Each structure stands twice: as structure tokens, then as C-alpha cells.
mmCIF file of all heavy atoms, coordinates in Angstrom:
data_MODEL
# 
_entry.id   MODEL 
# 
loop_
_atom_site.group_PDB 
_atom_site.id 
_atom_site.type_symbol 
_atom_site.label_atom_id 
_atom_site.label_alt_id 
_atom_site.label_comp_id 
_atom_site.label_asym_id 
_atom_site.label_entity_id 
_atom_site.label_seq_id 
_atom_site.pdbx_PDB_ins_code 
_atom_site.Cartn_x 
_atom_site.Cartn_y 
_atom_site.Cartn_z 
_atom_site.occupancy 
_atom_site.B_iso_or_equiv 
_atom_site.pdbx_formal_charge 
_atom_site.auth_seq_id 
_atom_site.auth_comp_id 
_atom_site.auth_asym_id 
_atom_site.auth_atom_id 
_atom_site.pdbx_PDB_model_num 
ATOM 1   N N   . LYS A 1 1  ? -0.772  -2.627 14.620  1.00 0.00 ? 1  LYS A N   1 
ATOM 2   C CA  . LYS A 1 1  ? -0.388  -3.473 13.439  1.00 0.00 ? 1  LYS A CA  1 
ATOM 3   C C   . LYS A 1 1  ? -0.589  -2.769 12.103  1.00 0.00 ? 1  LYS A C   1 
ATOM 4   O O   . LYS A 1 1  ? -0.319  -3.347 11.061  1.00 0.00 ? 1  LYS A O   1 
ATOM 5   C CB  . LYS A 1 1  ? -1.250  -4.739 13.473  1.00 0.00 ? 1  LYS A CB  1 
ATOM 6   C CG  . LYS A 1 1  ? -0.940  -5.707 14.603  1.00 0.00 ? 1  LYS A CG  1 
ATOM 7   C CD  . LYS A 1 1  ? 0.303   -6.488 14.295  1.00 0.00 ? 1  LYS A CD  1 
ATOM 8   C CE  . LYS A 1 1  ? 0.502   -7.631 15.287  1.00 0.00 ? 1  LYS A CE  1 
ATOM 9   N NZ  . LYS A 1 1  ? 1.618   -8.499 14.911  1.00 0.00 ? 1  LYS A NZ  1 
ATOM 10  N N   . SER A 1 2  ? -1.096  -1.527 12.106  1.00 0.00 ? 2  SER A N   1 
ATOM 11  C CA  . SER A 1 2  ? -1.377  -0.846 10.838  1.00 0.00 ? 2  SER A CA  1 
ATOM 12  C C   . SER A 1 2  ? -0.100  -0.501 10.104  1.00 0.00 ? 2  SER A C   1 
ATOM 13  O O   . SER A 1 2  ? -0.003  -0.653 8.884   1.00 0.00 ? 2  SER A O   1 
ATOM 14  C CB  . SER A 1 2  ? -2.231  0.413  11.058  1.00 0.00 ? 2  SER A CB  1 
ATOM 15  O OG  . SER A 1 2  ? -1.589  1.277  11.955  1.00 0.00 ? 2  SER A OG  1 
ATOM 16  N N   . LYS A 1 3  ? 0.908   -0.006 10.811  1.00 0.00 ? 3  LYS A N   1 
ATOM 17  C CA  . LYS A 1 3  ? 2.167   0.351  10.140  1.00 0.00 ? 3  LYS A CA  1 
ATOM 18  C C   . LYS A 1 3  ? 2.876   -0.853 9.598   1.00 0.00 ? 3  LYS A C   1 
ATOM 19  O O   . LYS A 1 3  ? 3.355   -0.837 8.426   1.00 0.00 ? 3  LYS A O   1 
ATOM 20  C CB  . LYS A 1 3  ? 3.087   1.125  11.057  1.00 0.00 ? 3  LYS A CB  1 
ATOM 21  C CG  . LYS A 1 3  ? 4.320   1.656  10.318  1.00 0.00 ? 3  LYS A CG  1 
ATOM 22  C CD  . LYS A 1 3  ? 5.046   2.759  11.060  1.00 0.00 ? 3  LYS A CD  1 
ATOM 23  C CE  . LYS A 1 3  ? 6.186   3.305  10.197  1.00 0.00 ? 3  LYS A CE  1 
ATOM 24  N NZ  . LYS A 1 3  ? 6.921   4.387  10.865  1.00 0.00 ? 3  LYS A NZ  1 
ATOM 25  N N   . PRO A 1 4  ? 3.052   -1.971 10.340  1.00 0.00 ? 4  PRO A N   1 
ATOM 26  C CA  . PRO A 1 4  ? 3.602   -3.196 9.742   1.00 0.00 ? 4  PRO A CA  1 
ATOM 27  C C   . PRO A 1 4  ? 2.854   -3.662 8.512   1.00 0.00 ? 4  PRO A C   1 
ATOM 28  O O   . PRO A 1 4  ? 3.484   -4.130 7.530   1.00 0.00 ? 4  PRO A O   1 
ATOM 29  C CB  . PRO A 1 4  ? 3.569   -4.230 10.833  1.00 0.00 ? 4  PRO A CB  1 
ATOM 30  C CG  . PRO A 1 4  ? 3.570   -3.406 12.108  1.00 0.00 ? 4  PRO A CG  1 
ATOM 31  C CD  . PRO A 1 4  ? 2.801   -2.165 11.785  1.00 0.00 ? 4  PRO A CD  1 
ATOM 32  N N   . PHE A 1 5  ? 1.532   -3.529 8.487   1.00 0.00 ? 5  PHE A N   1 
ATOM 33  C CA  . PHE A 1 5  ? 0.770   -3.914 7.317   1.00 0.00 ? 5  PHE A CA  1 
ATOM 34  C C   . PHE A 1 5  ? 1.126   -3.018 6.127   1.00 0.00 ? 5  PHE A C   1 
ATOM 35  O O   . PHE A 1 5  ? 1.291   -3.565 5.010   1.00 0.00 ? 5  PHE A O   1 
ATOM 36  C CB  . PHE A 1 5  ? -0.741  -3.767 7.633   1.00 0.00 ? 5  PHE A CB  1 
ATOM 37  C CG  . PHE A 1 5  ? -1.636  -4.111 6.440   1.00 0.00 ? 5  PHE A CG  1 
ATOM 38  C CD1 . PHE A 1 5  ? -1.977  -5.440 6.141   1.00 0.00 ? 5  PHE A CD1 1 
ATOM 39  C CD2 . PHE A 1 5  ? -2.080  -3.122 5.557   1.00 0.00 ? 5  PHE A CD2 1 
ATOM 40  C CE1 . PHE A 1 5  ? -2.771  -5.729 5.078   1.00 0.00 ? 5  PHE A CE1 1 
ATOM 41  C CE2 . PHE A 1 5  ? -2.871  -3.386 4.492   1.00 0.00 ? 5  PHE A CE2 1 
ATOM 42  C CZ  . PHE A 1 5  ? -3.230  -4.712 4.227   1.00 0.00 ? 5  PHE A CZ  1 
ATOM 43  N N   . CYS A 1 6  ? 1.198   -1.731 6.327   1.00 0.00 ? 6  CYS A N   1 
ATOM 44  C CA  . CYS A 1 6  ? 1.562   -0.840 5.240   1.00 0.00 ? 6  CYS A CA  1 
ATOM 45  C C   . CYS A 1 6  ? 2.931   -1.153 4.658   1.00 0.00 ? 6  CYS A C   1 
ATOM 46  O O   . CYS A 1 6  ? 3.104   -1.147 3.438   1.00 0.00 ? 6  CYS A O   1 
ATOM 47  C CB  . CYS A 1 6  ? 1.544   0.627  5.731   1.00 0.00 ? 6  CYS A CB  1 
ATOM 48  S SG  . CYS A 1 6  ? -0.097  1.268  6.201   1.00 0.00 ? 6  CYS A SG  1 
ATOM 49  N N   . GLU A 1 7  ? 3.840   -1.461 5.529   1.00 0.00 ? 7  GLU A N   1 
ATOM 50  C CA  . GLU A 1 7  ? 5.243   -1.807 5.101   1.00 0.00 ? 7  GLU A CA  1 
ATOM 51  C C   . GLU A 1 7  ? 5.232   -3.079 4.237   1.00 0.00 ? 7  GLU A C   1 
ATOM 52  O O   . GLU A 1 7  ? 5.852   -3.155 3.195   1.00 0.00 ? 7  GLU A O   1 
ATOM 53  C CB  . GLU A 1 7  ? 6.181   -1.965 6.287   1.00 0.00 ? 7  GLU A CB  1 
ATOM 54  C CG  . GLU A 1 7  ? 6.403   -0.656 7.004   1.00 0.00 ? 7  GLU A CG  1 
ATOM 55  C CD  . GLU A 1 7  ? 7.143   -0.812 8.298   1.00 0.00 ? 7  GLU A CD  1 
ATOM 56  O OE1 . GLU A 1 7  ? 7.328   -1.976 8.783   1.00 0.00 ? 7  GLU A OE1 1 
ATOM 57  O OE2 . GLU A 1 7  ? 7.568   0.180  8.904   1.00 0.00 ? 7  GLU A OE2 1 
ATOM 58  N N   . LYS A 1 8  ? 4.487   -4.109 4.690   1.00 0.00 ? 8  LYS A N   1 
ATOM 59  C CA  . LYS A 1 8  ? 4.455   -5.371 3.958   1.00 0.00 ? 8  LYS A CA  1 
ATOM 60  C C   . LYS A 1 8  ? 3.681   -5.214 2.633   1.00 0.00 ? 8  LYS A C   1 
ATOM 61  O O   . LYS A 1 8  ? 4.015   -5.755 1.602   1.00 0.00 ? 8  LYS A O   1 
ATOM 62  C CB  . LYS A 1 8  ? 3.695   -6.454 4.817   1.00 0.00 ? 8  LYS A CB  1 
ATOM 63  C CG  . LYS A 1 8  ? 4.523   -6.866 6.020   1.00 0.00 ? 8  LYS A CG  1 
ATOM 64  C CD  . LYS A 1 8  ? 3.707   -7.843 6.908   1.00 0.00 ? 8  LYS A CD  1 
ATOM 65  C CE  . LYS A 1 8  ? 4.478   -8.208 8.121   1.00 0.00 ? 8  LYS A CE  1 
ATOM 66  N NZ  . LYS A 1 8  ? 3.712   -9.070 9.060   1.00 0.00 ? 8  LYS A NZ  1 
ATOM 67  N N   . LEU A 1 9  ? 2.632   -4.402 2.654   1.00 0.00 ? 9  LEU A N   1 
ATOM 68  C CA  . LEU A 1 9  ? 1.854   -4.110 1.438   1.00 0.00 ? 9  LEU A CA  1 
ATOM 69  C C   . LEU A 1 9  ? 2.707   -3.455 0.397   1.00 0.00 ? 9  LEU A C   1 
ATOM 70  O O   . LEU A 1 9  ? 2.731   -3.844 -0.802  1.00 0.00 ? 9  LEU A O   1 
ATOM 71  C CB  . LEU A 1 9  ? 0.612   -3.248 1.791   1.00 0.00 ? 9  LEU A CB  1 
ATOM 72  C CG  . LEU A 1 9  ? -0.158  -2.736 0.614   1.00 0.00 ? 9  LEU A CG  1 
ATOM 73  C CD1 . LEU A 1 9  ? -0.830  -3.864 -0.191  1.00 0.00 ? 9  LEU A CD1 1 
ATOM 74  C CD2 . LEU A 1 9  ? -1.218  -1.721 1.064   1.00 0.00 ? 9  LEU A CD2 1 
ATOM 75  N N   . LEU A 1 10 ? 3.421   -2.415 0.785   1.00 0.00 ? 10 LEU A N   1 
ATOM 76  C CA  . LEU A 1 10 ? 4.223   -1.665 -0.169  1.00 0.00 ? 10 LEU A CA  1 
ATOM 77  C C   . LEU A 1 10 ? 5.400   -2.500 -0.695  1.00 0.00 ? 10 LEU A C   1 
ATOM 78  O O   . LEU A 1 10 ? 5.857   -2.385 -1.834  1.00 0.00 ? 10 LEU A O   1 
ATOM 79  C CB  . LEU A 1 10 ? 4.749   -0.359 0.470   1.00 0.00 ? 10 LEU A CB  1 
ATOM 80  C CG  . LEU A 1 10 ? 3.606   0.612  0.800   1.00 0.00 ? 10 LEU A CG  1 
ATOM 81  C CD1 . LEU A 1 10 ? 4.171   1.891  1.432   1.00 0.00 ? 10 LEU A CD1 1 
ATOM 82  C CD2 . LEU A 1 10 ? 2.855   0.985  -0.461  1.00 0.00 ? 10 LEU A CD2 1 
ATOM 83  N N   . SER A 1 11 ? 5.922   -3.410 0.184   1.00 0.00 ? 11 SER A N   1 
ATOM 84  C CA  . SER A 1 11 ? 6.902   -4.321 -0.264  1.00 0.00 ? 11 SER A CA  1 
ATOM 85  C C   . SER A 1 11 ? 6.417   -5.252 -1.372  1.00 0.00 ? 11 SER A C   1 
ATOM 86  O O   . SER A 1 11 ? 7.080   -5.516 -2.368  1.00 0.00 ? 11 SER A O   1 
ATOM 87  C CB  . SER A 1 11 ? 7.462   -5.178 0.948   1.00 0.00 ? 11 SER A CB  1 
ATOM 88  O OG  . SER A 1 11 ? 8.366   -6.136 0.546   1.00 0.00 ? 11 SER A OG  1 
ATOM 89  N N   . TRP A 1 12 ? 5.165   -5.729 -1.186  1.00 0.00 ? 12 TRP A N   1 
ATOM 90  C CA  . TRP A 1 12 ? 4.541   -6.544 -2.244  1.00 0.00 ? 12 TRP A CA  1 
ATOM 91  C C   . TRP A 1 12 ? 4.298   -5.771 -3.515  1.00 0.00 ? 12 TRP A C   1 
ATOM 92  O O   . TRP A 1 12 ? 4.500   -6.294 -4.590  1.00 0.00 ? 12 TRP A O   1 
ATOM 93  C CB  . TRP A 1 12 ? 3.232   -7.103 -1.710  1.00 0.00 ? 12 TRP A CB  1 
ATOM 94  C CG  . TRP A 1 12 ? 2.401   -7.831 -2.684  1.00 0.00 ? 12 TRP A CG  1 
ATOM 95  C CD1 . TRP A 1 12 ? 2.702   -9.074 -3.252  1.00 0.00 ? 12 TRP A CD1 1 
ATOM 96  C CD2 . TRP A 1 12 ? 1.156   -7.439 -3.330  1.00 0.00 ? 12 TRP A CD2 1 
ATOM 97  N NE1 . TRP A 1 12 ? 1.694   -9.457 -4.158  1.00 0.00 ? 12 TRP A NE1 1 
ATOM 98  C CE2 . TRP A 1 12 ? 0.801   -8.472 -4.255  1.00 0.00 ? 12 TRP A CE2 1 
ATOM 99  C CE3 . TRP A 1 12 ? 0.393   -6.299 -3.203  1.00 0.00 ? 12 TRP A CE3 1 
ATOM 100 C CZ2 . TRP A 1 12 ? -0.400  -8.385 -4.991  1.00 0.00 ? 12 TRP A CZ2 1 
ATOM 101 C CZ3 . TRP A 1 12 ? -0.787  -6.214 -3.964  1.00 0.00 ? 12 TRP A CZ3 1 
ATOM 102 C CH2 . TRP A 1 12 ? -1.164  -7.250 -4.843  1.00 0.00 ? 12 TRP A CH2 1 
ATOM 103 N N   . VAL A 1 13 ? 3.892   -4.487 -3.361  1.00 0.00 ? 13 VAL A N   1 
ATOM 104 C CA  . VAL A 1 13 ? 3.678   -3.641 -4.559  1.00 0.00 ? 13 VAL A CA  1 
ATOM 105 C C   . VAL A 1 13 ? 4.957   -3.513 -5.338  1.00 0.00 ? 13 VAL A C   1 
ATOM 106 O O   . VAL A 1 13 ? 4.963   -3.654 -6.603  1.00 0.00 ? 13 VAL A O   1 
ATOM 107 C CB  . VAL A 1 13 ? 3.206   -2.228 -4.116  1.00 0.00 ? 13 VAL A CB  1 
ATOM 108 C CG1 . VAL A 1 13 ? 3.218   -1.253 -5.279  1.00 0.00 ? 13 VAL A CG1 1 
ATOM 109 C CG2 . VAL A 1 13 ? 1.743   -2.349 -3.528  1.00 0.00 ? 13 VAL A CG2 1 
ATOM 110 N N   . LYS A 1 14 ? 6.084   -3.300 -4.655  1.00 0.00 ? 14 LYS A N   1 
ATOM 111 C CA  . LYS A 1 14 ? 7.356   -3.174 -5.371  1.00 0.00 ? 14 LYS A CA  1 
ATOM 112 C C   . LYS A 1 14 ? 7.799   -4.456 -6.025  1.00 0.00 ? 14 LYS A C   1 
ATOM 113 O O   . LYS A 1 14 ? 8.214   -4.448 -7.192  1.00 0.00 ? 14 LYS A O   1 
ATOM 114 C CB  . LYS A 1 14 ? 8.406   -2.690 -4.342  1.00 0.00 ? 14 LYS A CB  1 
ATOM 115 C CG  . LYS A 1 14 ? 8.240   -1.283 -3.835  1.00 0.00 ? 14 LYS A CG  1 
ATOM 116 C CD  . LYS A 1 14 ? 9.262   -0.882 -2.840  1.00 0.00 ? 14 LYS A CD  1 
ATOM 117 C CE  . LYS A 1 14 ? 10.562  -0.398 -3.461  1.00 0.00 ? 14 LYS A CE  1 
ATOM 118 N NZ  . LYS A 1 14 ? 11.451  0.204  -2.480  1.00 0.00 ? 14 LYS A NZ  1 
ATOM 119 N N   . SER A 1 15 ? 7.602   -5.578 -5.334  1.00 0.00 ? 15 SER A N   1 
ATOM 120 C CA  . SER A 1 15 ? 8.021   -6.874 -5.918  1.00 0.00 ? 15 SER A CA  1 
ATOM 121 C C   . SER A 1 15 ? 7.104   -7.279 -7.065  1.00 0.00 ? 15 SER A C   1 
ATOM 122 O O   . SER A 1 15 ? 7.524   -8.011 -7.930  1.00 0.00 ? 15 SER A O   1 
ATOM 123 C CB  . SER A 1 15 ? 8.018   -7.959 -4.825  1.00 0.00 ? 15 SER A CB  1 
ATOM 124 O OG  . SER A 1 15 ? 6.718   -8.180 -4.332  1.00 0.00 ? 15 SER A OG  1 
ATOM 125 N N   . SER A 1 16 ? 5.886   -6.764 -7.049  1.00 0.00 ? 16 SER A N   1 
ATOM 126 C CA  . SER A 1 16 ? 4.907   -7.095 -8.159  1.00 0.00 ? 16 SER A CA  1 
ATOM 127 C C   . SER A 1 16 ? 5.111   -6.136 -9.358  1.00 0.00 ? 16 SER A C   1 
ATOM 128 O O   . SER A 1 16 ? 4.456   -6.431 -10.390 1.00 0.00 ? 16 SER A O   1 
ATOM 129 C CB  . SER A 1 16 ? 3.477   -6.985 -7.594  1.00 0.00 ? 16 SER A CB  1 
ATOM 130 O OG  . SER A 1 16 ? 3.251   -7.878 -6.600  1.00 0.00 ? 16 SER A OG  1 
ATOM 131 N N   . ASN A 1 17 ? 5.862   -5.117 -9.190  1.00 0.00 ? 17 ASN A N   1 
ATOM 132 C CA  . ASN A 1 17 ? 6.109   -4.171 -10.316 1.00 0.00 ? 17 ASN A CA  1 
ATOM 133 C C   . ASN A 1 17 ? 4.824   -3.490 -10.779 1.00 0.00 ? 17 ASN A C   1 
ATOM 134 O O   . ASN A 1 17 ? 4.681   -3.264 -11.957 1.00 0.00 ? 17 ASN A O   1 
ATOM 135 C CB  . ASN A 1 17 ? 6.838   -4.851 -11.459 1.00 0.00 ? 17 ASN A CB  1 
ATOM 136 C CG  . ASN A 1 17 ? 8.224   -5.333 -11.116 1.00 0.00 ? 17 ASN A CG  1 
ATOM 137 O OD1 . ASN A 1 17 ? 8.986   -4.623 -10.534 1.00 0.00 ? 17 ASN A OD1 1 
ATOM 138 N ND2 . ASN A 1 17 ? 8.518   -6.578 -11.503 1.00 0.00 ? 17 ASN A ND2 1 
ATOM 139 N N   . CYS A 1 18 ? 3.942   -3.167 -9.838  1.00 0.00 ? 18 CYS A N   1 
ATOM 140 C CA  . CYS A 1 18 ? 2.721   -2.414 -10.171 1.00 0.00 ? 18 CYS A CA  1 
ATOM 141 C C   . CYS A 1 18 ? 3.112   -1.026 -10.727 1.00 0.00 ? 18 CYS A C   1 
ATOM 142 O O   . CYS A 1 18 ? 4.035   -0.398 -10.192 1.00 0.00 ? 18 CYS A O   1 
ATOM 143 C CB  . CYS A 1 18 ? 1.791   -2.302 -9.037  1.00 0.00 ? 18 CYS A CB  1 
ATOM 144 S SG  . CYS A 1 18 ? 1.062   -3.866 -8.515  1.00 0.00 ? 18 CYS A SG  1 
ATOM 145 N N   . ALA A 1 19 ? 2.405   -0.560 -11.740 1.00 0.00 ? 19 ALA A N   1 
ATOM 146 C CA  . ALA A 1 19 ? 2.722   0.769  -12.314 1.00 0.00 ? 19 ALA A CA  1 
ATOM 147 C C   . ALA A 1 19 ? 2.413   1.881  -11.285 1.00 0.00 ? 19 ALA A C   1 
ATOM 148 O O   . ALA A 1 19 ? 3.159   2.807  -11.182 1.00 0.00 ? 19 ALA A O   1 
ATOM 149 C CB  . ALA A 1 19 ? 1.933   0.948  -13.559 1.00 0.00 ? 19 ALA A CB  1 
ATOM 150 N N   . LYS A 1 20 ? 1.276   1.764  -10.603 1.00 0.00 ? 20 LYS A N   1 
ATOM 151 C CA  . LYS A 1 20 ? 0.925   2.753  -9.630  1.00 0.00 ? 20 LYS A CA  1 
ATOM 152 C C   . LYS A 1 20 ? -0.115  2.183  -8.670  1.00 0.00 ? 20 LYS A C   1 
ATOM 153 O O   . LYS A 1 20 ? -0.775  1.177  -8.952  1.00 0.00 ? 20 LYS A O   1 
ATOM 154 C CB  . LYS A 1 20 ? 0.390   4.047  -10.288 1.00 0.00 ? 20 LYS A CB  1 
ATOM 155 C CG  . LYS A 1 20 ? -0.867  3.889  -11.155 1.00 0.00 ? 20 LYS A CG  1 
ATOM 156 C CD  . LYS A 1 20 ? -1.281  5.203  -11.745 1.00 0.00 ? 20 LYS A CD  1 
ATOM 157 C CE  . LYS A 1 20 ? -2.438  5.059  -12.732 1.00 0.00 ? 20 LYS A CE  1 
ATOM 158 N NZ  . LYS A 1 20 ? -2.033  4.377  -13.984 1.00 0.00 ? 20 LYS A NZ  1 
ATOM 159 N N   . VAL A 1 21 ? -0.259  2.888  -7.516  1.00 0.00 ? 21 VAL A N   1 
ATOM 160 C CA  . VAL A 1 21 ? -1.247  2.539  -6.532  1.00 0.00 ? 21 VAL A CA  1 
ATOM 161 C C   . VAL A 1 21 ? -2.219  3.690  -6.325  1.00 0.00 ? 21 VAL A C   1 
ATOM 162 O O   . VAL A 1 21 ? -1.766  4.873  -6.256  1.00 0.00 ? 21 VAL A O   1 
ATOM 163 C CB  . VAL A 1 21 ? -0.547  2.197  -5.176  1.00 0.00 ? 21 VAL A CB  1 
ATOM 164 C CG1 . VAL A 1 21 ? -1.641  1.740  -4.141  1.00 0.00 ? 21 VAL A CG1 1 
ATOM 165 C CG2 . VAL A 1 21 ? 0.482   1.106  -5.319  1.00 0.00 ? 21 VAL A CG2 1 
ATOM 166 N N   . ILE A 1 22 ? -3.488  3.379  -6.298  1.00 0.00 ? 22 ILE A N   1 
ATOM 167 C CA  . ILE A 1 22 ? -4.516  4.401  -6.002  1.00 0.00 ? 22 ILE A CA  1 
ATOM 168 C C   . ILE A 1 22 ? -5.298  4.041  -4.780  1.00 0.00 ? 22 ILE A C   1 
ATOM 169 O O   . ILE A 1 22 ? -5.887  2.942  -4.747  1.00 0.00 ? 22 ILE A O   1 
ATOM 170 C CB  . ILE A 1 22 ? -5.436  4.606  -7.217  1.00 0.00 ? 22 ILE A CB  1 
ATOM 171 C CG1 . ILE A 1 22 ? -4.668  4.996  -8.470  1.00 0.00 ? 22 ILE A CG1 1 
ATOM 172 C CG2 . ILE A 1 22 ? -6.527  5.683  -6.885  1.00 0.00 ? 22 ILE A CG2 1 
ATOM 173 C CD1 . ILE A 1 22 ? -5.515  5.151  -9.716  1.00 0.00 ? 22 ILE A CD1 1 
ATOM 174 N N   . VAL A 1 23 ? -5.228  4.857  -3.757  1.00 0.00 ? 23 VAL A N   1 
ATOM 175 C CA  . VAL A 1 23 ? -5.898  4.594  -2.484  1.00 0.00 ? 23 VAL A CA  1 
ATOM 176 C C   . VAL A 1 23 ? -7.217  5.419  -2.445  1.00 0.00 ? 23 VAL A C   1 
ATOM 177 O O   . VAL A 1 23 ? -7.171  6.678  -2.619  1.00 0.00 ? 23 VAL A O   1 
ATOM 178 C CB  . VAL A 1 23 ? -5.030  4.961  -1.295  1.00 0.00 ? 23 VAL A CB  1 
ATOM 179 C CG1 . VAL A 1 23 ? -5.772  4.687  0.037   1.00 0.00 ? 23 VAL A CG1 1 
ATOM 180 C CG2 . VAL A 1 23 ? -3.704  4.146  -1.300  1.00 0.00 ? 23 VAL A CG2 1 
ATOM 181 N N   . LEU A 1 24 ? -8.329  4.758  -2.239  1.00 0.00 ? 24 LEU A N   1 
ATOM 182 C CA  . LEU A 1 24 ? -9.630  5.474  -2.103  1.00 0.00 ? 24 LEU A CA  1 
ATOM 183 C C   . LEU A 1 24 ? -9.897  5.591  -0.637  1.00 0.00 ? 24 LEU A C   1 
ATOM 184 O O   . LEU A 1 24 ? -9.930  4.610  0.118   1.00 0.00 ? 24 LEU A O   1 
ATOM 185 C CB  . LEU A 1 24 ? -10.727 4.634  -2.793  1.00 0.00 ? 24 LEU A CB  1 
ATOM 186 C CG  . LEU A 1 24 ? -10.505 4.374  -4.273  1.00 0.00 ? 24 LEU A CG  1 
ATOM 187 C CD1 . LEU A 1 24 ? -11.705 3.610  -4.865  1.00 0.00 ? 24 LEU A CD1 1 
ATOM 188 C CD2 . LEU A 1 24 ? -10.291 5.654  -5.033  1.00 0.00 ? 24 LEU A CD2 1 
ATOM 189 N N   . SER A 1 25 ? -10.150 6.835  -0.191  1.00 0.00 ? 25 SER A N   1 
ATOM 190 C CA  . SER A 1 25 ? -10.252 7.107  1.258   1.00 0.00 ? 25 SER A CA  1 
ATOM 191 C C   . SER A 1 25 ? -11.334 8.131  1.535   1.00 0.00 ? 25 SER A C   1 
ATOM 192 O O   . SER A 1 25 ? -12.030 8.544  0.584   1.00 0.00 ? 25 SER A O   1 
ATOM 193 C CB  . SER A 1 25 ? -8.890  7.526  1.796   1.00 0.00 ? 25 SER A CB  1 
ATOM 194 O OG  . SER A 1 25 ? -8.920  7.714  3.179   1.00 0.00 ? 25 SER A OG  1 
ATOM 195 N N   . SER A 1 26 ? -11.423 8.534  2.784   1.00 0.00 ? 26 SER A N   1 
ATOM 196 C CA  . SER A 1 26 ? -12.385 9.547  3.210   1.00 0.00 ? 26 SER A CA  1 
ATOM 197 C C   . SER A 1 26 ? -11.790 10.274 4.455   1.00 0.00 ? 26 SER A C   1 
ATOM 198 O O   . SER A 1 26 ? -10.833 9.742  5.058   1.00 0.00 ? 26 SER A O   1 
ATOM 199 C CB  . SER A 1 26 ? -13.742 8.942  3.534   1.00 0.00 ? 26 SER A CB  1 
ATOM 200 O OG  . SER A 1 26 ? -13.550 7.856  4.432   1.00 0.00 ? 26 SER A OG  1 
ATOM 201 N N   . SER A 1 27 ? -12.367 11.406 4.764   1.00 0.00 ? 27 SER A N   1 
ATOM 202 C CA  . SER A 1 27 ? -11.903 12.181 5.965   1.00 0.00 ? 27 SER A CA  1 
ATOM 203 C C   . SER A 1 27 ? -13.125 12.851 6.572   1.00 0.00 ? 27 SER A C   1 
ATOM 204 O O   . SER A 1 27 ? -14.134 13.111 5.887   1.00 0.00 ? 27 SER A O   1 
ATOM 205 C CB  . SER A 1 27 ? -10.889 13.201 5.471   1.00 0.00 ? 27 SER A CB  1 
ATOM 206 O OG  . SER A 1 27 ? -10.400 13.943 6.611   1.00 0.00 ? 27 SER A OG  1 
ATOM 207 N N   . HIS A 1 28 ? -13.033 13.141 7.866   1.00 0.00 ? 28 HIS A N   1 
ATOM 208 C CA  . HIS A 1 28 ? -14.163 13.740 8.591   1.00 0.00 ? 28 HIS A CA  1 
ATOM 209 C C   . HIS A 1 28 ? -14.544 15.091 7.975   1.00 0.00 ? 28 HIS A C   1 
ATOM 210 O O   . HIS A 1 28 ? -13.648 16.006 7.880   1.00 0.00 ? 28 HIS A O   1 
ATOM 211 C CB  . HIS A 1 28 ? -13.811 13.911 10.042  1.00 0.00 ? 28 HIS A CB  1 
ATOM 212 C CG  . HIS A 1 28 ? -13.783 12.637 10.842  1.00 0.00 ? 28 HIS A CG  1 
ATOM 213 N ND1 . HIS A 1 28 ? -14.912 11.860 10.974  1.00 0.00 ? 28 HIS A ND1 1 
ATOM 214 C CD2 . HIS A 1 28 ? -12.802 12.015 11.542  1.00 0.00 ? 28 HIS A CD2 1 
ATOM 215 C CE1 . HIS A 1 28 ? -14.616 10.787 11.731  1.00 0.00 ? 28 HIS A CE1 1 
ATOM 216 N NE2 . HIS A 1 28 ? -13.335 10.874 12.054  1.00 0.00 ? 28 HIS A NE2 1 
# 
């Protein structure tokens, strides 16, 4: 379900007209 979530999230970002998205993450 992670990919469908990303698709729906980015669709919301576009419809909301956000200027930019910043993802805070980590790696091994």
C-alpha cells in the first residue's frame, strides 16, 4: 500500500498548490 499512498499524497499536494515538499528521512 505504500505506492498507492504516495500517489494519493502527491495528488493532494498538486491540488493544494503547495510551493514545495520537504521529506525528512534517514538511511542505514
